[in-house]
Amino acid sequence: MGYPVVILLCLGLLHQTARAVLMDKLADIKICGDAECSYVLSMATALDDFIAPDCRFINIKKGQMVYVYSKLVPDEGAGVFWSGSVYSERYVDQMGIIGYFPATVVKETHKFVEDTVKVPTSKMDFYCD
C-alpha cells in the first residue's frame, strides 16, 4: 500500500521539475559582495511599483524595502537589473523570494559591502521554477 504513495509523490516531483524553464540570460557578469553572492550588498527603497514580466523578476511595491544581492553588469544596449528580495510587513508572502528588477525603480539607502567582486552569471541565475 505504501509503494503507490511513493510512486505518486515521485511523479508529482517530476511533474513540478518538468515545468522549470531556463530563460534567456540578462547579462554575463554580475557584481556581488562575495564569490557566492550570498552577502547583501545594500538596502534600497522602491520609488515606484514594478510588475514582474516573467518568472525571473519580482514584483515590487512603491515604498517597499529591497535587499540587493547582486547587480548585473549590462551588455551593450541592455537594461540594468539588480537581484534582490523585498521586505515589508504588508507583503509577507513575497519575503525571501529573490528575483530581478530594474535598478531605476529603487534608490539605495544603505550599503553593507564596499568591496565587491565580479562573478560570471550562469544559466541557473535565470532559472524559472
Protein backbone atom coordinates (compact mmCIF):
# COMPACT_ATOMS: atom_id res chain seq x y z
CA MET A 1 0.00 0.00 0.00
CA GLY A 2 2.96 2.35 0.66
CA TYR A 3 4.53 1.89 -2.79
CA PRO A 4 1.73 3.60 -4.75
CA VAL A 5 2.00 6.61 -2.47
CA VAL A 6 5.77 6.83 -3.03
CA ILE A 7 5.29 6.47 -6.78
CA LEU A 8 2.66 9.23 -6.80
CA LEU A 9 4.95 11.51 -4.80
CA CYS A 10 7.82 10.89 -7.21
CA LEU A 11 5.59 11.57 -10.21
CA GLY A 12 4.43 14.80 -8.58
CA LEU A 13 8.03 15.91 -8.05
CA LEU A 14 8.91 15.06 -11.65
CA HIS A 15 5.89 16.99 -12.88
CA GLN A 16 6.95 20.04 -10.87
CA THR A 17 10.51 19.96 -12.19
CA ALA A 18 9.24 19.45 -15.74
CA ARG A 19 7.68 22.93 -15.54
CA ALA A 20 11.04 24.55 -14.76
CA VAL A 21 12.41 26.69 -17.57
CA LEU A 22 15.82 28.13 -18.37
CA MET A 23 15.21 31.70 -19.53
CA ASP A 24 17.48 33.93 -21.59
CA LYS A 25 20.45 35.41 -19.75
CA LEU A 26 20.11 39.09 -18.88
CA ALA A 27 23.89 39.59 -18.56
CA ASP A 28 27.14 37.60 -18.48
CA ILE A 29 28.65 39.26 -15.38
CA LYS A 30 27.23 40.30 -12.01
CA ILE A 31 28.64 42.31 -9.12
CA CYS A 32 28.38 40.64 -5.70
CA GLY A 33 29.64 41.08 -2.16
CA ASP A 34 31.38 37.67 -2.24
CA ALA A 35 32.10 34.89 -4.74
CA GLU A 36 28.85 33.07 -3.85
CA CYS A 37 26.71 36.23 -3.98
CA SER A 38 25.33 35.35 -0.55
CA TYR A 39 26.02 38.69 1.16
CA VAL A 40 23.52 41.51 0.90
CA LEU A 41 25.17 44.37 -1.00
CA SER A 42 22.76 47.07 0.04
CA MET A 43 19.28 48.04 1.06
CA ALA A 44 17.08 50.12 -1.22
CA THR A 45 13.64 51.68 -1.15
CA ALA A 46 11.25 51.24 -4.07
CA LEU A 47 10.49 54.52 -5.80
CA ASP A 48 7.70 53.03 -7.89
CA ASP A 49 5.74 49.82 -8.45
CA PHE A 50 7.26 47.18 -10.71
CA ILE A 51 5.24 44.26 -12.10
CA ALA A 52 7.35 41.23 -12.97
CA PRO A 53 7.11 40.45 -16.71
CA ASP A 54 8.21 36.83 -16.20
CA CYS A 55 9.43 34.41 -13.53
CA ARG A 56 12.99 35.81 -13.42
CA PHE A 57 11.71 39.03 -11.84
CA ILE A 58 9.98 40.01 -8.60
CA ASN A 59 7.05 42.34 -8.01
CA ILE A 60 7.90 45.47 -6.07
CA LYS A 61 5.50 47.95 -4.48
CA LYS A 62 6.36 51.61 -4.05
CA GLY A 63 7.84 52.20 -0.59
CA GLN A 64 8.98 48.60 -0.01
CA MET A 65 12.44 47.89 1.29
CA VAL A 66 14.52 45.73 -1.04
CA TYR A 67 17.64 43.77 -0.09
CA VAL A 68 20.04 43.86 -3.05
CA TYR A 69 22.14 40.68 -3.54
CA SER A 70 23.73 41.34 -6.92
CA LYS A 71 23.91 43.86 -9.73
CA LEU A 72 24.06 42.67 -13.31
CA VAL A 73 26.70 44.30 -15.49
CA PRO A 74 24.75 45.23 -18.60
CA ASP A 75 25.66 44.08 -22.07
CA GLU A 76 25.62 46.71 -24.79
CA GLY A 77 22.10 48.02 -25.23
CA ALA A 78 20.72 46.02 -22.28
CA GLY A 79 18.95 47.48 -19.26
CA VAL A 80 20.47 47.49 -15.80
CA PHE A 81 18.93 44.90 -13.49
CA TRP A 82 19.66 44.02 -9.89
CA SER A 83 18.61 40.94 -7.96
CA GLY A 84 17.11 41.10 -4.54
CA SER A 85 14.32 40.29 -2.17
CA VAL A 86 11.56 42.54 -0.89
CA TYR A 87 10.81 43.15 2.75
CA SER A 88 7.54 44.53 4.03
CA GLU A 89 5.18 43.57 6.82
CA ARG A 90 2.29 44.12 4.38
CA TYR A 91 3.69 41.68 1.81
CA VAL A 92 4.99 38.84 3.95
CA ASP A 93 4.11 36.30 1.23
CA GLN A 94 6.80 37.80 -1.04
CA MET A 95 9.60 37.93 1.53
CA GLY A 96 12.50 35.63 0.76
CA ILE A 97 11.75 35.37 -2.95
CA ILE A 98 14.79 36.55 -4.90
CA GLY A 99 14.41 37.94 -8.39
CA TYR A 100 15.45 40.70 -10.74
CA PHE A 101 14.12 44.24 -11.01
CA PRO A 102 15.22 47.39 -12.84
CA ALA A 103 17.73 49.42 -10.85
CA THR A 104 15.77 52.53 -11.83
CA VAL A 105 12.77 51.61 -9.63
CA VAL A 106 14.79 51.72 -6.39
CA LYS A 107 17.05 54.10 -4.52
CA GLU A 108 19.91 52.64 -2.48
CA THR A 109 19.62 53.82 1.10
CA HIS A 110 22.37 51.84 2.83
CA LYS A 111 25.43 49.96 1.53
CA PHE A 112 26.51 46.93 3.54
CA VAL A 113 29.50 45.91 1.39
CA GLU A 114 32.13 48.26 -0.02
CA ASP A 115 34.44 45.68 -1.62
CA THR A 116 32.67 43.85 -4.42
CA VAL A 117 33.65 41.09 -6.83
CA LYS A 118 32.66 40.44 -10.44
CA VAL A 119 31.26 36.97 -10.93
CA PRO A 120 30.19 35.29 -14.18
CA THR A 121 26.49 34.56 -14.36
CA SER A 122 25.33 31.02 -15.01
CA LYS A 123 22.25 29.52 -16.58
CA MET A 124 20.93 28.87 -13.08
CA ASP A 125 20.85 32.64 -12.41
CA PHE A 126 17.97 32.82 -14.87
CA TYR A 127 16.21 29.56 -13.98
CA CYS A 128 12.45 29.76 -13.52
CA ASP A 129 10.52 27.38 -11.35
